[in-house]
Amino acid sequence: MESPTLSTLEFSPLRNDLKSILRETRFITDRIKKKQEDDQVMSDWKFASAVLDRFFLWFFFVFILICTGAVLLTVPGIFVSGGELET
């Protein structure tokens, strides 16, 4: 076996530095990918909540109209002509 030459010994610290840089770069890219995935999920939930919010707004509006109409229609004598209530 040959012993390490001077040139390979000189590049050993450089190789360790490059490995460290590669490891850090992978870590950063993994974090960015994870953040993008989380942002996409958050965006999907915001859209779903906006759809549900609009649905419940319309449901509430229709419910209030029906209840108001029902209350007004159950008042006795509301449709009596002449302005007098029948007794």
PDB file of N, CA and C in Angstrom:
ATOM      1  N   MET A   1       0.825  -1.177   0.000  1.00  0.00           N
ATOM      2  CA  MET A   1       0.000   0.000   0.000  1.00  0.00           C
ATOM      3  C   MET A   1       0.866   1.234   0.000  1.00  0.00           C
ATOM      4  N   GLU A   2       0.334   2.180  -0.684  1.00  0.00           N
ATOM      5  CA  GLU A   2       1.066   3.436  -0.745  1.00  0.00           C
ATOM      6  C   GLU A   2       0.643   4.327   0.402  1.00  0.00           C
ATOM      7  N   SER A   3       1.566   5.084   0.860  1.00  0.00           N
ATOM      8  CA  SER A   3       1.237   6.049   1.902  1.00  0.00           C
ATOM      9  C   SER A   3       0.645   7.292   1.254  1.00  0.00           C
ATOM     10  N   PRO A   4      -0.184   8.030   1.981  1.00  0.00           N
ATOM     11  CA  PRO A   4      -0.786   9.224   1.409  1.00  0.00           C
ATOM     12  C   PRO A   4       0.289  10.219   0.988  1.00  0.00           C
ATOM     13  N   THR A   5       0.089  10.775  -0.131  1.00  0.00           N
ATOM     14  CA  THR A   5       1.054  11.765  -0.625  1.00  0.00           C
ATOM     15  C   THR A   5       0.698  13.124  -0.057  1.00  0.00           C
ATOM     16  N   LEU A   6       1.547  14.034  -0.326  1.00  0.00           N
ATOM     17  CA  LEU A   6       1.379  15.387   0.183  1.00  0.00           C
ATOM     18  C   LEU A   6       0.134  16.039  -0.411  1.00  0.00           C
ATOM     19  N   SER A   7      -0.147  15.764  -1.681  1.00  0.00           N
ATOM     20  CA  SER A   7      -1.289  16.406  -2.331  1.00  0.00           C
ATOM     21  C   SER A   7      -2.618  15.943  -1.732  1.00  0.00           C
ATOM     22  N   THR A   8      -2.751  14.670  -1.382  1.00  0.00           N
ATOM     23  CA  THR A   8      -4.001  14.207  -0.779  1.00  0.00           C
ATOM     24  C   THR A   8      -4.137  14.707   0.649  1.00  0.00           C
ATOM     25  N   LEU A   9      -3.060  14.871   1.339  1.00  0.00           N
ATOM     26  CA  LEU A   9      -3.128  15.417   2.690  1.00  0.00           C
ATOM     27  C   LEU A   9      -3.543  16.888   2.668  1.00  0.00           C
ATOM     28  N   GLU A  10      -3.151  17.606   1.633  1.00  0.00           N
ATOM     29  CA  GLU A  10      -3.511  19.015   1.533  1.00  0.00           C
ATOM     30  C   GLU A  10      -5.012  19.182   1.272  1.00  0.00           C
ATOM     31  N   PHE A  11      -5.606  18.257   0.546  1.00  0.00           N
ATOM     32  CA  PHE A  11      -7.014  18.383   0.194  1.00  0.00           C
ATOM     33  C   PHE A  11      -7.958  17.795   1.238  1.00  0.00           C
ATOM     34  N   SER A  12      -7.448  17.109   2.221  1.00  0.00           N
ATOM     35  CA  SER A  12      -8.294  16.505   3.237  1.00  0.00           C
ATOM     36  C   SER A  12      -9.106  17.548   4.016  1.00  0.00           C
ATOM     37  N   PRO A  13      -8.527  18.638   4.489  1.00  0.00           N
ATOM     38  CA  PRO A  13      -9.342  19.653   5.170  1.00  0.00           C
ATOM     39  C   PRO A  13     -10.347  20.307   4.219  1.00  0.00           C
ATOM     40  N   LEU A  14      -9.930  20.470   2.969  1.00  0.00           N
ATOM     41  CA  LEU A  14     -10.839  21.048   1.989  1.00  0.00           C
ATOM     42  C   LEU A  14     -12.027  20.121   1.753  1.00  0.00           C
ATOM     43  N   ARG A  15     -11.753  18.833   1.687  1.00  0.00           N
ATOM     44  CA  ARG A  15     -12.820  17.856   1.497  1.00  0.00           C
ATOM     45  C   ARG A  15     -13.796  17.884   2.683  1.00  0.00           C
ATOM     46  N   ASN A  16     -13.274  17.989   3.893  1.00  0.00           N
ATOM     47  CA  ASN A  16     -14.145  18.068   5.071  1.00  0.00           C
ATOM     48  C   ASN A  16     -14.993  19.338   5.043  1.00  0.00           C
ATOM     49  N   ASP A  17     -14.390  20.428   4.606  1.00  0.00           N
ATOM     50  CA  ASP A  17     -15.140  21.679   4.490  1.00  0.00           C
ATOM     51  C   ASP A  17     -16.242  21.557   3.443  1.00  0.00           C
ATOM     52  N   LEU A  18     -15.931  20.938   2.324  1.00  0.00           N
ATOM     53  CA  LEU A  18     -16.931  20.767   1.281  1.00  0.00           C
ATOM     54  C   LEU A  18     -18.075  19.866   1.758  1.00  0.00           C
ATOM     55  N   LYS A  19     -17.756  18.824   2.502  1.00  0.00           N
ATOM     56  CA  LYS A  19     -18.796  17.959   3.057  1.00  0.00           C
ATOM     57  C   LYS A  19     -19.681  18.727   4.029  1.00  0.00           C
ATOM     58  N   SER A  20     -19.054  19.555   4.824  1.00  0.00           N
ATOM     59  CA  SER A  20     -19.811  20.367   5.778  1.00  0.00           C
ATOM     60  C   SER A  20     -20.728  21.354   5.043  1.00  0.00           C
ATOM     61  N   ILE A  21     -20.209  21.980   3.998  1.00  0.00           N
ATOM     62  CA  ILE A  21     -21.009  22.920   3.206  1.00  0.00           C
ATOM     63  C   ILE A  21     -22.168  22.187   2.538  1.00  0.00           C
ATOM     64  N   LEU A  22     -21.912  21.015   2.008  1.00  0.00           N
ATOM     65  CA  LEU A  22     -22.960  20.227   1.368  1.00  0.00           C
ATOM     66  C   LEU A  22     -24.050  19.845   2.371  1.00  0.00           C
ATOM     67  N   ARG A  23     -23.634  19.441   3.560  1.00  0.00           N
ATOM     68  CA  ARG A  23     -24.583  19.062   4.602  1.00  0.00           C
ATOM     69  C   ARG A  23     -25.456  20.262   5.003  1.00  0.00           C
ATOM     70  N   GLU A  24     -24.837  21.422   5.159  1.00  0.00           N
ATOM     71  CA  GLU A  24     -25.587  22.628   5.511  1.00  0.00           C
ATOM     72  C   GLU A  24     -26.525  23.056   4.377  1.00  0.00           C
ATOM     73  N   THR A  25     -26.075  22.912   3.154  1.00  0.00           N
ATOM     74  CA  THR A  25     -26.907  23.256   2.000  1.00  0.00           C
ATOM     75  C   THR A  25     -28.128  22.349   1.932  1.00  0.00           C
ATOM     76  N   ARG A  26     -27.928  21.071   2.163  1.00  0.00           N
ATOM     77  CA  ARG A  26     -29.065  20.136   2.193  1.00  0.00           C
ATOM     78  C   ARG A  26     -30.039  20.494   3.304  1.00  0.00           C
ATOM     79  N   PHE A  27     -29.503  20.855   4.460  1.00  0.00           N
ATOM     80  CA  PHE A  27     -30.348  21.239   5.583  1.00  0.00           C
ATOM     81  C   PHE A  27     -31.207  22.453   5.223  1.00  0.00           C
ATOM     82  N   ILE A  28     -30.581  23.455   4.603  1.00  0.00           N
ATOM     83  CA  ILE A  28     -31.305  24.669   4.229  1.00  0.00           C
ATOM     84  C   ILE A  28     -32.367  24.371   3.179  1.00  0.00           C
ATOM     85  N   THR A  29     -32.021  23.574   2.165  1.00  0.00           N
ATOM     86  CA  THR A  29     -33.005  23.259   1.123  1.00  0.00           C
ATOM     87  C   THR A  29     -34.157  22.422   1.689  1.00  0.00           C
ATOM     88  N   ASP A  30     -33.869  21.523   2.609  1.00  0.00           N
ATOM     89  CA  ASP A  30     -34.940  20.746   3.247  1.00  0.00           C
ATOM     90  C   ASP A  30     -35.869  21.665   4.036  1.00  0.00           C
ATOM     91  N   ARG A  31     -35.299  22.634   4.735  1.00  0.00           N
ATOM     92  CA  ARG A  31     -36.113  23.587   5.496  1.00  0.00           C
ATOM     93  C   ARG A  31     -36.987  24.420   4.567  1.00  0.00           C
ATOM     94  N   ILE A  32     -36.442  24.852   3.438  1.00  0.00           N
ATOM     95  CA  ILE A  32     -37.207  25.655   2.480  1.00  0.00           C
ATOM     96  C   ILE A  32     -38.341  24.826   1.887  1.00  0.00           C
ATOM     97  N   LYS A  33     -38.063  23.566   1.537  1.00  0.00           N
ATOM     98  CA  LYS A  33     -39.110  22.692   0.999  1.00  0.00           C
ATOM     99  C   LYS A  33     -40.208  22.469   2.030  1.00  0.00           C
ATOM    100  N   LYS A  34     -39.839  22.242   3.278  1.00  0.00           N
ATOM    101  CA  LYS A  34     -40.811  22.032   4.351  1.00  0.00           C
ATOM    102  C   LYS A  34     -41.660  23.279   4.542  1.00  0.00           C
ATOM    103  N   LYS A  35     -41.041  24.441   4.499  1.00  0.00           N
ATOM    104  CA  LYS A  35     -41.777  25.705   4.650  1.00  0.00           C
ATOM    105  C   LYS A  35     -42.763  25.892   3.497  1.00  0.00           C
ATOM    106  N   GLN A  36     -42.351  25.571   2.278  1.00  0.00           N
ATOM    107  CA  GLN A  36     -43.242  25.696   1.128  1.00  0.00           C
ATOM    108  C   GLN A  36     -44.435  24.740   1.249  1.00  0.00           C
ATOM    109  N   GLU A  37     -44.186  23.530   1.709  1.00  0.00           N
ATOM    110  CA  GLU A  37     -45.272  22.567   1.904  1.00  0.00           C
ATOM    111  C   GLU A  37     -46.238  23.065   2.983  1.00  0.00           C
ATOM    112  N   ASP A  38     -45.690  23.594   4.077  1.00  0.00           N
ATOM    113  CA  ASP A  38     -46.535  24.122   5.145  1.00  0.00           C
ATOM    114  C   ASP A  38     -47.351  25.314   4.652  1.00  0.00           C
ATOM    115  N   ASP A  39     -46.748  26.176   3.850  1.00  0.00           N
ATOM    116  CA  ASP A  39     -47.463  27.327   3.292  1.00  0.00           C
ATOM    117  C   ASP A  39     -48.591  26.873   2.373  1.00  0.00           C
ATOM    118  N   GLN A  40     -48.361  25.812   1.613  1.00  0.00           N
ATOM    119  CA  GLN A  40     -49.397  25.296   0.716  1.00  0.00           C
ATOM    120  C   GLN A  40     -50.570  24.737   1.515  1.00  0.00           C
ATOM    121  N   VAL A  41     -50.277  24.001   2.564  1.00  0.00           N
ATOM    122  CA  VAL A  41     -51.337  23.446   3.423  1.00  0.00           C
ATOM    123  C   VAL A  41     -52.119  24.584   4.081  1.00  0.00           C
ATOM    124  N   MET A  42     -51.405  25.607   4.564  1.00  0.00           N
ATOM    125  CA  MET A  42     -52.069  26.739   5.190  1.00  0.00           C
ATOM    126  C   MET A  42     -52.960  27.471   4.180  1.00  0.00           C
ATOM    127  N   SER A  43     -52.490  27.604   2.964  1.00  0.00           N
ATOM    128  CA  SER A  43     -53.277  28.254   1.917  1.00  0.00           C
ATOM    129  C   SER A  43     -54.540  27.452   1.612  1.00  0.00           C
ATOM    130  N   ASP A  44     -54.421  26.138   1.569  1.00  0.00           N
ATOM    131  CA  ASP A  44     -55.588  25.280   1.323  1.00  0.00           C
ATOM    132  C   ASP A  44     -56.624  25.427   2.441  1.00  0.00           C
ATOM    133  N   TRP A  45     -56.160  25.472   3.684  1.00  0.00           N
ATOM    134  CA  TRP A  45     -57.087  25.619   4.803  1.00  0.00           C
ATOM    135  C   TRP A  45     -57.743  26.999   4.803  1.00  0.00           C
ATOM    136  N   LYS A  46     -56.997  28.023   4.405  1.00  0.00           N
ATOM    137  CA  LYS A  46     -57.589  29.362   4.321  1.00  0.00           C
ATOM    138  C   LYS A  46     -58.688  29.395   3.271  1.00  0.00           C
ATOM    139  N   PHE A  47     -58.463  28.734   2.148  1.00  0.00           N
ATOM    140  CA  PHE A  47     -59.485  28.681   1.108  1.00  0.00           C
ATOM    141  C   PHE A  47     -60.721  27.935   1.611  1.00  0.00           C
ATOM    142  N   ALA A  48     -60.510  26.806   2.272  1.00  0.00           N
ATOM    143  CA  ALA A  48     -61.628  26.029   2.805  1.00  0.00           C
ATOM    144  C   ALA A  48     -62.410  26.835   3.833  1.00  0.00           C
ATOM    145  N   SER A  49     -61.723  27.575   4.682  1.00  0.00           N
ATOM    146  CA  SER A  49     -62.426  28.377   5.683  1.00  0.00           C
ATOM    147  C   SER A  49     -63.198  29.514   5.028  1.00  0.00           C
ATOM    148  N   ALA A  50     -62.668  30.088   3.946  1.00  0.00           N
ATOM    149  CA  ALA A  50     -63.393  31.146   3.242  1.00  0.00           C
ATOM    150  C   ALA A  50     -64.666  30.593   2.603  1.00  0.00           C
ATOM    151  N   VAL A  51     -64.596  29.402   2.048  1.00  0.00           N
ATOM    152  CA  VAL A  51     -65.778  28.774   1.445  1.00  0.00           C
ATOM    153  C   VAL A  51     -66.829  28.497   2.513  1.00  0.00           C
ATOM    154  N   LEU A  52     -66.424  27.929   3.633  1.00  0.00           N
ATOM    155  CA  LEU A  52     -67.369  27.648   4.714  1.00  0.00           C
ATOM    156  C   LEU A  52     -67.948  28.935   5.289  1.00  0.00           C
ATOM    157  N   ASP A  53     -67.128  29.957   5.404  1.00  0.00           N
ATOM    158  CA  ASP A  53     -67.600  31.235   5.914  1.00  0.00           C
ATOM    159  C   ASP A  53     -68.677  31.813   5.007  1.00  0.00           C
ATOM    160  N   ARG A  54     -68.469  31.766   3.711  1.00  0.00           N
ATOM    161  CA  ARG A  54     -69.468  32.262   2.759  1.00  0.00           C
ATOM    162  C   ARG A  54     -70.748  31.435   2.830  1.00  0.00           C
ATOM    163  N   PHE A  55     -70.610  30.109   2.934  1.00  0.00           N
ATOM    164  CA  PHE A  55     -71.786  29.235   3.039  1.00  0.00           C
ATOM    165  C   PHE A  55     -72.613  29.574   4.279  1.00  0.00           C
ATOM    166  N   PHE A  56     -71.958  29.706   5.430  1.00  0.00           N
ATOM    167  CA  PHE A  56     -72.689  30.000   6.659  1.00  0.00           C
ATOM    168  C   PHE A  56     -73.275  31.405   6.661  1.00  0.00           C
ATOM    169  N   LEU A  57     -72.647  32.338   5.964  1.00  0.00           N
ATOM    170  CA  LEU A  57     -73.229  33.669   5.827  1.00  0.00           C
ATOM    171  C   LEU A  57     -74.561  33.588   5.099  1.00  0.00           C
ATOM    172  N   TRP A  58     -74.584  32.865   3.980  1.00  0.00           N
ATOM    173  CA  TRP A  58     -75.829  32.718   3.229  1.00  0.00           C
ATOM    174  C   TRP A  58     -76.859  31.923   4.025  1.00  0.00           C
ATOM    175  N   PHE A  59     -76.442  30.886   4.712  1.00  0.00           N
ATOM    176  CA  PHE A  59     -77.359  30.106   5.546  1.00  0.00           C
ATOM    177  C   PHE A  59     -77.996  30.996   6.606  1.00  0.00           C
ATOM    178  N   PHE A  60     -77.194  31.803   7.267  1.00  0.00           N
ATOM    179  CA  PHE A  60     -77.697  32.707   8.299  1.00  0.00           C
ATOM    180  C   PHE A  60     -78.668  33.717   7.699  1.00  0.00           C
ATOM    181  N   PHE A  61     -78.336  34.284   6.551  1.00  0.00           N
ATOM    182  CA  PHE A  61     -79.183  35.264   5.887  1.00  0.00           C
ATOM    183  C   PHE A  61     -80.548  34.662   5.547  1.00  0.00           C
ATOM    184  N   VAL A  62     -80.562  33.487   4.958  1.00  0.00           N
ATOM    185  CA  VAL A  62     -81.823  32.822   4.598  1.00  0.00           C
ATOM    186  C   VAL A  62     -82.609  32.463   5.859  1.00  0.00           C
ATOM    187  N   PHE A  63     -81.946  31.973   6.884  1.00  0.00           N
ATOM    188  CA  PHE A  63     -82.605  31.617   8.135  1.00  0.00           C
ATOM    189  C   PHE A  63     -83.272  32.836   8.773  1.00  0.00           C
ATOM    190  N   ILE A  64     -82.592  33.960   8.797  1.00  0.00           N
ATOM    191  CA  ILE A  64     -83.150  35.187   9.375  1.00  0.00           C
ATOM    192  C   ILE A  64     -84.366  35.655   8.564  1.00  0.00           C
ATOM    193  N   LEU A  65     -84.273  35.582   7.230  1.00  0.00           N
ATOM    194  CA  LEU A  65     -85.411  35.977   6.404  1.00  0.00           C
ATOM    195  C   LEU A  65     -86.620  35.089   6.663  1.00  0.00           C
ATOM    196  N   ILE A  66     -86.414  33.790   6.736  1.00  0.00           N
ATOM    197  CA  ILE A  66     -87.519  32.858   6.987  1.00  0.00           C
ATOM    198  C   ILE A  66     -88.127  33.099   8.366  1.00  0.00           C
ATOM    199  N   CYS A  67     -87.285  33.256   9.365  1.00  0.00           N
ATOM    200  CA  CYS A  67     -87.796  33.484  10.721  1.00  0.00           C
ATOM    201  C   CYS A  67     -88.540  34.813  10.818  1.00  0.00           C
ATOM    202  N   THR A  68     -88.011  35.855  10.196  1.00  0.00           N
ATOM    203  CA  THR A  68     -88.691  37.154  10.204  1.00  0.00           C
ATOM    204  C   THR A  68     -90.040  37.051   9.512  1.00  0.00           C
ATOM    205  N   GLY A  69     -90.065  36.391   8.371  1.00  0.00           N
ATOM    206  CA  GLY A  69     -91.332  36.199   7.668  1.00  0.00           C
ATOM    207  C   GLY A  69     -92.317  35.398   8.491  1.00  0.00           C
ATOM    208  N   ALA A  70     -91.848  34.352   9.151  1.00  0.00           N
ATOM    209  CA  ALA A  70     -92.735  33.522   9.969  1.00  0.00           C
ATOM    210  C   ALA A  70     -93.303  34.316  11.134  1.00  0.00           C
ATOM    211  N   VAL A  71     -92.490  35.136  11.770  1.00  0.00           N
ATOM    212  CA  VAL A  71     -92.969  35.941  12.895  1.00  0.00           C
ATOM    213  C   VAL A  71     -93.990  36.957  12.412  1.00  0.00           C
ATOM    214  N   LEU A  72     -93.713  37.621  11.306  1.00  0.00           N
ATOM    215  CA  LEU A  72     -94.637  38.626  10.793  1.00  0.00           C
ATOM    216  C   LEU A  72     -95.950  38.004  10.315  1.00  0.00           C
ATOM    217  N   LEU A  73     -95.890  36.805   9.760  1.00  0.00           N
ATOM    218  CA  LEU A  73     -97.110  36.160   9.272  1.00  0.00           C
ATOM    219  C   LEU A  73     -97.967  35.577  10.393  1.00  0.00           C
ATOM    220  N   THR A  74     -97.415  35.359  11.561  1.00  0.00           N
ATOM    221  CA  THR A  74     -98.186  34.800  12.672  1.00  0.00           C
ATOM    222  C   THR A  74     -98.823  35.871  13.541  1.00  0.00           C
ATOM    223  N   VAL A  75     -98.562  37.130  13.256  1.00  0.00           N
ATOM    224  CA  VAL A  75     -99.195  38.204  14.027  1.00  0.00           C
ATOM    225  C   VAL A  75    -100.681  38.203  13.696  1.00  0.00           C
ATOM    226  N   PRO A  76    -101.549  38.143  14.711  1.00  0.00           N
ATOM    227  CA  PRO A  76    -102.990  38.090  14.433  1.00  0.00           C
ATOM    228  C   PRO A  76    -103.495  39.414  13.870  1.00  0.00           C
ATOM    229  N   GLY A  77    -104.302  39.328  12.832  1.00  0.00           N
ATOM    230  CA  GLY A  77    -104.943  40.493  12.267  1.00  0.00           C
ATOM    231  C   GLY A  77    -104.057  41.392  11.442  1.00  0.00           C
ATOM    232  N   ILE A  78    -102.930  40.918  10.989  1.00  0.00           N
ATOM    233  CA  ILE A  78    -102.029  41.782  10.226  1.00  0.00           C
ATOM    234  C   ILE A  78    -102.595  42.115   8.853  1.00  0.00           C
ATOM    235  N   PHE A  79    -103.481  41.233   8.350  1.00  0.00           N
ATOM    236  CA  PHE A  79    -104.033  41.453   7.029  1.00  0.00           C
ATOM    237  C   PHE A  79    -105.483  41.929   7.062  1.00  0.00           C
ATOM    238  N   VAL A  80    -105.943  42.405   8.193  1.00  0.00           N
ATOM    239  CA  VAL A  80    -107.315  42.891   8.316  1.00  0.00           C
ATOM    240  C   VAL A  80    -107.408  44.276   7.695  1.00  0.00           C
ATOM    241  N   SER A  81    -108.358  44.488   6.820  1.00  0.00           N
ATOM    242  CA  SER A  81    -108.511  45.801   6.205  1.00  0.00           C
ATOM    243  C   SER A  81    -109.213  46.763   7.141  1.00  0.00           C
ATOM    244  N   GLY A  82    -108.979  48.029   6.998  1.00  0.00           N
ATOM    245  CA  GLY A  82    -109.619  49.020   7.824  1.00  0.00           C
ATOM    246  C   GLY A  82    -108.842  49.376   9.055  1.00  0.00           C
ATOM    247  N   GLY A  83    -107.777  48.662   9.323  1.00  0.00           N
ATOM    248  CA  GLY A  83    -106.911  49.010  10.444  1.00  0.00           C
ATOM    249  C   GLY A  83    -107.439  48.564  11.787  1.00  0.00           C
ATOM    250  N   GLU A  84    -108.583  47.877  11.845  1.00  0.00           N
ATOM    251  CA  GLU A  84    -109.117  47.413  13.119  1.00  0.00           C
ATOM    252  C   GLU A  84    -108.887  45.917  13.273  1.00  0.00           C
ATOM    253  N   LEU A  85    -108.614  45.522  14.456  1.00  0.00           N
ATOM    254  CA  LEU A  85    -108.432  44.109  14.764  1.00  0.00           C
ATOM    255  C   LEU A  85    -109.782  43.474  15.046  1.00  0.00           C
ATOM    256  N   GLU A  86    -109.989  42.267  14.606  1.00  0.00           N
ATOM    257  CA  GLU A  86    -111.216  41.528  14.907  1.00  0.00           C
ATOM    258  C   GLU A  86    -111.090  40.960  16.300  1.00  0.00           C
ATOM    259  N   THR A  87    -112.159  41.008  17.049  1.00  0.00           N
ATOM    260  CA  THR A  87    -112.127  40.444  18.392  1.00  0.00           C
ATOM    261  C   THR A  87    -113.118  39.327  18.552  1.00  0.00           C
TER     262      THR A  87
END
